[in-house]
Amino acid sequence: PFSGSSPVSAAAIAAASAPASGVPASAFATSAATAATAATPSDDELQPWEMDGWVPTTASGSQKTPNMIRNELQRYIDGSSETQTAIIGRMGVNNNSFRRFMNPSTYKGKWSGCQNGTYWAAARLLAQAKYDKDQAAKAAKKAEKATKKKAGGAAAGAKRKVAPGDEKATAQDSLTAPPAAKKPKKSKKEEKADANALMERINGTALDDEYPKVFDSCPEIVKKIKSFLSEQPGVTNAGFCAALGGINNNSLGKFLAGKKQDQCGNITYRTSYVFFEKKRIMEGKPKSARRLKNESEHPDGFSLEKERAGKWFFAPAARGFYF
């Protein structure tokens, strides 16, 4: 039986996965073929992700967690010209399995999402997509080299005279491919829905410590908040406050207007730190040099207490927040 506490191979849980996700075990072995958008080198040469027992791994060789696959799949969907429904169909999973897998709160254990067939189908789809992208890049690079070589040879030969008025036609002849079709711009309602889904996924990311020490200064958190609000389409102040546990918009405004650490007792400080720490982990990014320096200089984290008018103002206690 699956424990939900450690990574397992596709072969080890294929039979157990099918009933839980509604997808037959055979779908795991064929999902990559369904998802493929380019032919493999030969009919009898399988790619690694098409073989039994294949496990998706990181660059370091460790198995990718369901959370990693979930985030990679969402980025793939967001950047694809295909509809989500079409991508689900290519993976060979049903909508219910897909929705359960994409909801971070569905599974409690770090590895429990492996029981859902969407984990393996998505992993194979992403592996195939990466392979296709790499192959296309190699082909483009090869074509570019051939074009440069051909152009160089032509330049070394006799120059063809261009009659007056033919310059435009010659320039047009040099365009060998039509411009790529632009992806339709999303409506504000769609952007807001995507932003809310993103913040829900961030909040659903687990931390090793439920109440971590704060290793970013107030100015660093302010910078992250402003960047998130301005660069992420669809994110509003109200939506961000809701993602921080429903904090008051006035608290957010005061924190953003603060100087140095004078807003360290503001509830926005700790809740935002936790939010962006989850975002960092969800995206698989390492700790910054500044973050490591803060951990070294402030091993107990930054203070969350502020003395004002002769009395102490406490931010978070062991569980919950006090004002």
Protein backbone atom coordinates (compact mmCIF):
# COMPACT_ATOMS: atom_id res chain seq x y z
CA PRO A 1 0.00 0.00 0.00
CA PHE A 2 1.07 3.58 -0.69
CA SER A 3 2.30 5.45 2.36
CA GLY A 4 2.31 8.98 0.94
CA SER A 5 5.63 9.73 2.62
CA SER A 6 8.24 8.72 0.04
CA PRO A 7 8.70 8.67 -3.77
CA VAL A 8 7.79 5.53 -5.66
CA SER A 9 8.17 4.31 -9.24
CA ALA A 10 5.46 4.25 -11.85
CA ALA A 11 5.54 0.47 -12.05
CA ALA A 12 5.18 0.11 -8.29
CA ILE A 13 1.95 2.05 -8.05
CA ALA A 14 0.39 1.71 -11.49
CA ALA A 15 -2.14 -0.87 -10.39
CA ALA A 16 -3.03 1.04 -7.22
CA SER A 17 -3.25 4.31 -9.10
CA ALA A 18 -5.91 3.30 -11.58
CA PRO A 19 -8.82 2.88 -9.12
CA ALA A 20 -7.94 6.08 -7.26
CA SER A 21 -7.80 8.22 -10.38
CA GLY A 22 -10.31 6.50 -12.62
CA VAL A 23 -7.57 5.88 -15.22
CA PRO A 24 -6.57 2.29 -16.18
CA ALA A 25 -2.98 1.37 -15.45
CA SER A 26 -2.37 0.86 -19.18
CA ALA A 27 -3.00 4.55 -19.72
CA PHE A 28 0.23 5.36 -17.89
CA ALA A 29 2.25 3.39 -20.40
CA THR A 30 0.55 4.97 -23.41
CA SER A 31 -0.05 8.53 -22.26
CA ALA A 32 3.29 9.74 -23.60
CA ALA A 33 2.48 8.33 -27.05
CA THR A 34 -0.85 10.15 -26.95
CA ALA A 35 0.83 13.36 -25.84
CA ALA A 36 3.62 13.21 -28.43
CA THR A 37 3.60 15.94 -31.03
CA ALA A 38 6.59 14.66 -33.02
CA ALA A 39 7.63 11.19 -34.15
CA THR A 40 10.26 9.32 -32.20
CA PRO A 41 13.53 8.49 -34.00
CA SER A 42 12.17 5.08 -35.09
CA ASP A 43 9.12 2.93 -34.45
CA ASP A 44 11.05 0.38 -32.38
CA GLU A 45 13.08 2.94 -30.36
CA LEU A 46 11.22 4.12 -27.29
CA GLN A 47 11.98 7.28 -25.38
CA PRO A 48 12.75 6.85 -21.64
CA TRP A 49 9.34 8.20 -20.58
CA GLU A 50 7.62 5.61 -22.78
CA MET A 51 9.25 2.69 -20.96
CA ASP A 52 7.89 0.79 -17.99
CA GLY A 53 9.29 1.86 -14.65
CA TRP A 54 10.25 5.36 -15.81
CA VAL A 55 10.19 8.03 -13.09
CA PRO A 56 10.35 11.82 -13.70
CA THR A 57 13.49 13.23 -12.09
CA THR A 58 15.09 16.59 -11.41
CA ALA A 59 18.53 17.61 -12.68
CA SER A 60 20.02 16.18 -9.49
CA GLY A 61 18.40 12.79 -10.13
CA SER A 62 15.73 12.83 -7.42
CA GLN A 63 12.12 12.04 -8.26
CA LYS A 64 9.94 15.07 -8.97
CA THR A 65 7.25 15.62 -6.36
CA PRO A 66 3.59 15.92 -7.35
CA ASN A 67 3.82 19.61 -6.49
CA MET A 68 6.64 20.09 -9.00
CA ILE A 69 4.70 18.28 -11.74
CA ARG A 70 1.56 20.25 -10.86
CA ASN A 71 3.34 23.59 -11.23
CA GLU A 72 5.15 22.57 -14.43
CA LEU A 73 1.87 21.39 -15.94
CA GLN A 74 0.11 24.64 -15.06
CA ARG A 75 2.90 26.68 -16.69
CA TYR A 76 2.66 24.43 -19.76
CA ILE A 77 -1.11 25.00 -19.97
CA ASP A 78 -0.73 28.77 -19.47
CA GLY A 79 1.84 29.02 -22.25
CA SER A 80 0.11 26.72 -24.73
CA SER A 81 -2.14 27.77 -27.60
CA GLU A 82 -4.23 24.67 -26.91
CA THR A 83 -7.20 24.71 -24.58
CA GLN A 84 -6.97 23.02 -21.19
CA THR A 85 -9.60 20.51 -22.31
CA ALA A 86 -7.50 19.54 -25.33
CA ILE A 87 -4.40 19.04 -23.18
CA ILE A 88 -6.34 16.90 -20.69
CA GLY A 89 -7.52 14.80 -23.63
CA ARG A 90 -3.95 14.36 -24.90
CA MET A 91 -2.88 13.17 -21.46
CA GLY A 92 -5.63 10.54 -21.49
CA VAL A 93 -7.05 11.39 -18.06
CA ASN A 94 -10.56 12.44 -17.08
CA ASN A 95 -11.56 15.86 -15.78
CA ASN A 96 -12.23 14.67 -12.23
CA SER A 97 -8.76 13.15 -11.88
CA PHE A 98 -7.20 16.30 -13.35
CA ARG A 99 -9.09 18.61 -10.97
CA ARG A 100 -8.20 16.50 -7.93
CA PHE A 101 -4.53 16.48 -8.87
CA MET A 102 -4.35 20.22 -9.57
CA ASN A 103 -5.90 21.09 -6.20
CA PRO A 104 -2.99 21.22 -3.69
CA SER A 105 -5.31 20.64 -0.73
CA THR A 106 -6.56 17.28 -2.04
CA TYR A 107 -3.56 15.35 -0.77
CA LYS A 108 -2.01 15.62 2.67
CA GLY A 109 1.20 13.68 2.13
CA LYS A 110 4.04 15.07 0.03
CA TRP A 111 3.90 12.05 -2.33
CA SER A 112 0.21 11.15 -2.13
CA GLY A 113 -0.49 12.85 -5.47
CA CYS A 114 1.47 10.02 -7.18
CA GLN A 115 -1.63 7.87 -6.69
CA ASN A 116 -3.45 10.03 -9.23
CA GLY A 117 -2.88 8.98 -12.84
CA THR A 118 -2.57 12.64 -13.80
CA TYR A 119 0.84 12.75 -12.11
CA TRP A 120 2.31 10.15 -14.49
CA ALA A 121 0.40 11.30 -17.57
CA ALA A 122 1.48 14.92 -16.98
CA ALA A 123 5.09 13.88 -16.32
CA ARG A 124 5.21 12.04 -19.65
CA LEU A 125 3.53 14.89 -21.49
CA LEU A 126 6.05 17.38 -20.06
CA ALA A 127 9.00 15.11 -20.88
CA GLN A 128 7.78 14.78 -24.48
CA ALA A 129 7.22 18.55 -24.72
CA LYS A 130 10.76 19.24 -23.50
CA TYR A 131 12.17 16.75 -25.99
CA ASP A 132 10.22 18.33 -28.86
CA LYS A 133 11.37 21.81 -27.82
CA ASP A 134 15.01 20.71 -27.66
CA GLN A 135 14.76 19.03 -31.06
CA ALA A 136 13.18 22.12 -32.61
CA ALA A 137 15.93 24.31 -31.15
CA LYS A 138 18.61 22.03 -32.59
CA ALA A 139 16.94 22.04 -36.00
CA ALA A 140 16.63 25.83 -35.97
CA LYS A 141 20.28 26.21 -35.02
CA LYS A 142 21.31 23.85 -37.79
CA ALA A 143 19.18 25.72 -40.34
CA GLU A 144 20.65 29.04 -39.19
CA LYS A 145 24.18 27.75 -39.70
CA ALA A 146 23.27 26.46 -43.17
CA THR A 147 21.71 29.81 -44.09
CA LYS A 148 24.78 31.74 -42.93
CA LYS A 149 27.04 29.40 -44.84
CA LYS A 150 24.96 29.77 -47.99
CA ALA A 151 24.84 33.56 -47.61
CA GLY A 152 28.59 33.67 -47.17
CA GLY A 153 29.11 31.66 -50.34
CA ALA A 154 26.78 33.89 -52.31
CA ALA A 155 28.58 37.02 -51.08
CA ALA A 156 31.90 35.63 -52.26
CA GLY A 157 30.55 35.17 -55.79
CA ALA A 158 29.47 37.76 -58.29
CA LYS A 159 26.85 40.21 -57.07
CA ARG A 160 23.56 40.08 -58.90
CA LYS A 161 22.40 43.44 -60.10
CA VAL A 162 19.02 44.53 -58.80
CA ALA A 163 16.87 46.59 -61.10
CA PRO A 164 15.32 49.78 -59.70
CA GLY A 165 12.14 48.94 -57.82
CA ASP A 166 13.19 45.30 -57.23
CA GLU A 167 14.70 45.96 -53.78
CA LYS A 168 11.35 45.48 -52.06
CA ALA A 169 10.67 42.21 -53.87
CA THR A 170 14.15 40.93 -53.02
CA ALA A 171 13.60 41.71 -49.33
CA GLN A 172 10.26 39.94 -49.38
CA ASP A 173 11.80 36.88 -51.05
CA SER A 174 14.23 36.58 -48.14
CA LEU A 175 11.39 35.92 -45.71
CA THR A 176 11.16 32.15 -45.67
CA ALA A 177 8.55 31.66 -42.94
CA PRO A 178 5.35 33.44 -41.95
CA PRO A 179 5.26 35.15 -38.55
CA ALA A 180 4.01 33.03 -35.67
CA ALA A 181 0.37 33.50 -34.75
CA LYS A 182 -0.12 35.64 -31.66
CA LYS A 183 -1.84 34.06 -28.68
CA PRO A 184 -5.20 35.76 -28.04
CA LYS A 185 -5.07 38.17 -25.12
CA LYS A 186 -6.98 37.06 -22.05
CA SER A 187 -9.85 39.12 -20.68
CA LYS A 188 -9.55 40.81 -17.28
CA LYS A 189 -11.96 38.25 -15.85
CA GLU A 190 -9.76 35.40 -17.11
CA GLU A 191 -6.60 37.08 -15.80
CA LYS A 192 -8.21 37.53 -12.38
CA ALA A 193 -9.30 33.88 -12.31
CA ASP A 194 -5.77 32.77 -13.25
CA ALA A 195 -4.26 35.03 -10.57
CA ASN A 196 -6.58 33.63 -7.89
CA ALA A 197 -5.73 30.08 -8.98
CA LEU A 198 -2.01 30.92 -8.78
CA MET A 199 -2.33 32.32 -5.25
CA GLU A 200 -4.34 29.26 -4.22
CA ARG A 201 -1.57 26.99 -5.48
CA ILE A 202 1.03 29.06 -3.63
CA ASN A 203 -0.91 28.83 -0.37
CA GLY A 204 -1.32 25.10 -0.93
CA THR A 205 2.45 24.58 -0.98
CA ALA A 206 3.68 22.93 2.20
CA LEU A 207 6.49 24.31 4.38
CA ASP A 208 8.76 22.23 6.57
CA ASP A 209 7.88 24.52 9.48
CA GLU A 210 4.29 25.74 9.74
CA TYR A 211 5.46 28.83 11.68
CA PRO A 212 8.88 29.63 10.17
CA LYS A 213 11.28 32.31 11.31
CA VAL A 214 11.31 35.43 9.15
CA PHE A 215 14.58 35.89 7.23
CA ASP A 216 13.58 38.79 4.97
CA SER A 217 13.61 42.41 6.16
CA CYS A 218 10.55 44.63 5.81
CA PRO A 219 12.02 46.51 2.79
CA GLU A 220 12.72 43.17 1.08
CA ILE A 221 9.13 42.02 1.59
CA VAL A 222 7.80 45.40 0.40
CA LYS A 223 9.82 44.99 -2.80
CA LYS A 224 8.40 41.49 -3.36
CA ILE A 225 4.82 42.64 -2.77
CA LYS A 226 5.09 45.58 -5.17
CA SER A 227 6.69 43.38 -7.81
CA PHE A 228 3.98 40.72 -7.45
CA LEU A 229 1.15 43.25 -7.60
CA SER A 230 2.55 45.03 -10.66
CA GLU A 231 3.93 42.13 -12.70
CA GLN A 232 1.34 39.39 -12.14
CA PRO A 233 -1.71 39.98 -14.39
CA GLY A 234 -5.05 39.87 -12.62
CA VAL A 235 -3.72 40.34 -9.07
CA THR A 236 -5.52 43.04 -7.09
CA ASN A 237 -4.85 44.43 -3.63
CA ALA A 238 -8.09 42.87 -2.40
CA GLY A 239 -7.22 39.48 -3.88
CA PHE A 240 -3.72 39.62 -2.41
CA CYS A 241 -5.08 40.53 1.04
CA ALA A 242 -7.45 37.57 0.81
CA ALA A 243 -4.53 35.28 -0.09
CA LEU A 244 -2.72 36.48 3.05
CA GLY A 245 -5.55 35.17 5.20
CA GLY A 246 -7.97 38.06 4.78
CA ILE A 247 -5.83 40.83 6.24
CA ASN A 248 -7.12 44.40 6.21
CA ASN A 249 -6.23 46.54 3.19
CA ASN A 250 -5.23 49.33 5.59
CA SER A 251 -2.63 47.02 7.15
CA LEU A 252 -1.21 46.34 3.70
CA GLY A 253 -1.10 50.06 2.89
CA LYS A 254 0.67 50.94 6.14
CA PHE A 255 3.22 48.17 5.63
CA LEU A 256 4.03 49.29 2.09
CA ALA A 257 4.48 52.88 3.29
CA GLY A 258 6.74 51.88 6.19
CA LYS A 259 10.45 52.70 6.57
CA LYS A 260 13.08 50.11 7.40
CA GLN A 261 11.73 47.83 10.18
CA ASP A 262 9.14 50.22 11.66
CA GLN A 263 6.32 47.94 10.42
CA CYS A 264 7.79 44.71 11.76
CA GLY A 265 4.76 44.28 14.05
CA ASN A 266 2.33 44.61 11.15
CA ILE A 267 0.51 41.35 10.36
CA THR A 268 1.32 41.90 6.69
CA TYR A 269 5.01 41.32 7.41
CA ARG A 270 4.83 37.71 8.56
CA THR A 271 1.94 36.59 6.35
CA SER A 272 3.63 38.01 3.25
CA TYR A 273 6.92 36.38 4.17
CA VAL A 274 5.22 32.99 4.45
CA PHE A 275 3.40 33.58 1.14
CA PHE A 276 6.57 34.40 -0.80
CA GLU A 277 8.50 31.60 0.88
CA LYS A 278 5.85 29.16 -0.36
CA LYS A 279 6.05 30.76 -3.80
CA ARG A 280 9.83 30.26 -3.86
CA ILE A 281 9.48 26.60 -2.92
CA MET A 282 6.63 26.05 -5.41
CA GLU A 283 8.78 27.46 -8.24
CA GLY A 284 11.80 25.42 -7.14
CA LYS A 285 14.03 28.47 -6.75
CA PRO A 286 17.06 28.46 -4.42
CA LYS A 287 17.56 30.90 -1.56
CA SER A 288 19.09 34.21 -2.64
CA ALA A 289 22.51 35.40 -1.47
CA ARG A 290 20.77 38.08 0.62
CA ARG A 291 18.53 35.46 2.22
CA LEU A 292 21.53 33.30 3.19
CA LYS A 293 23.27 36.35 4.61
CA ASN A 294 20.18 37.20 6.69
CA GLU A 295 20.07 33.65 8.06
CA SER A 296 23.71 33.96 9.06
CA GLU A 297 23.37 37.39 10.67
CA HIS A 298 19.92 36.76 12.23
CA PRO A 299 19.80 33.05 13.15
CA ASP A 300 16.60 33.62 15.14
CA GLY A 301 15.00 35.61 12.32
CA PHE A 302 13.95 39.26 12.27
CA SER A 303 12.00 40.58 15.23
CA LEU A 304 8.23 40.71 14.88
CA GLU A 305 7.75 43.01 17.87
CA LYS A 306 7.55 46.80 17.82
CA GLU A 307 7.65 49.09 20.84
CA ARG A 308 5.30 52.01 20.44
CA ALA A 309 4.28 54.70 22.92
CA GLY A 310 5.60 52.77 25.90
CA LYS A 311 3.88 49.47 25.12
CA TRP A 312 4.68 46.43 23.05
CA PHE A 313 2.80 45.54 19.88
CA PHE A 314 2.88 41.83 19.16
CA ALA A 315 2.43 40.34 15.69
CA PRO A 316 2.22 36.52 15.61
CA ALA A 317 2.09 34.34 18.71
CA ALA A 318 2.60 30.60 18.63
CA ARG A 319 -0.70 30.16 16.82
CA GLY A 320 -2.67 33.09 15.44
CA PHE A 321 -2.16 36.83 15.40
CA TYR A 322 -2.83 39.41 18.10
CA PHE A 323 -3.33 43.17 17.87
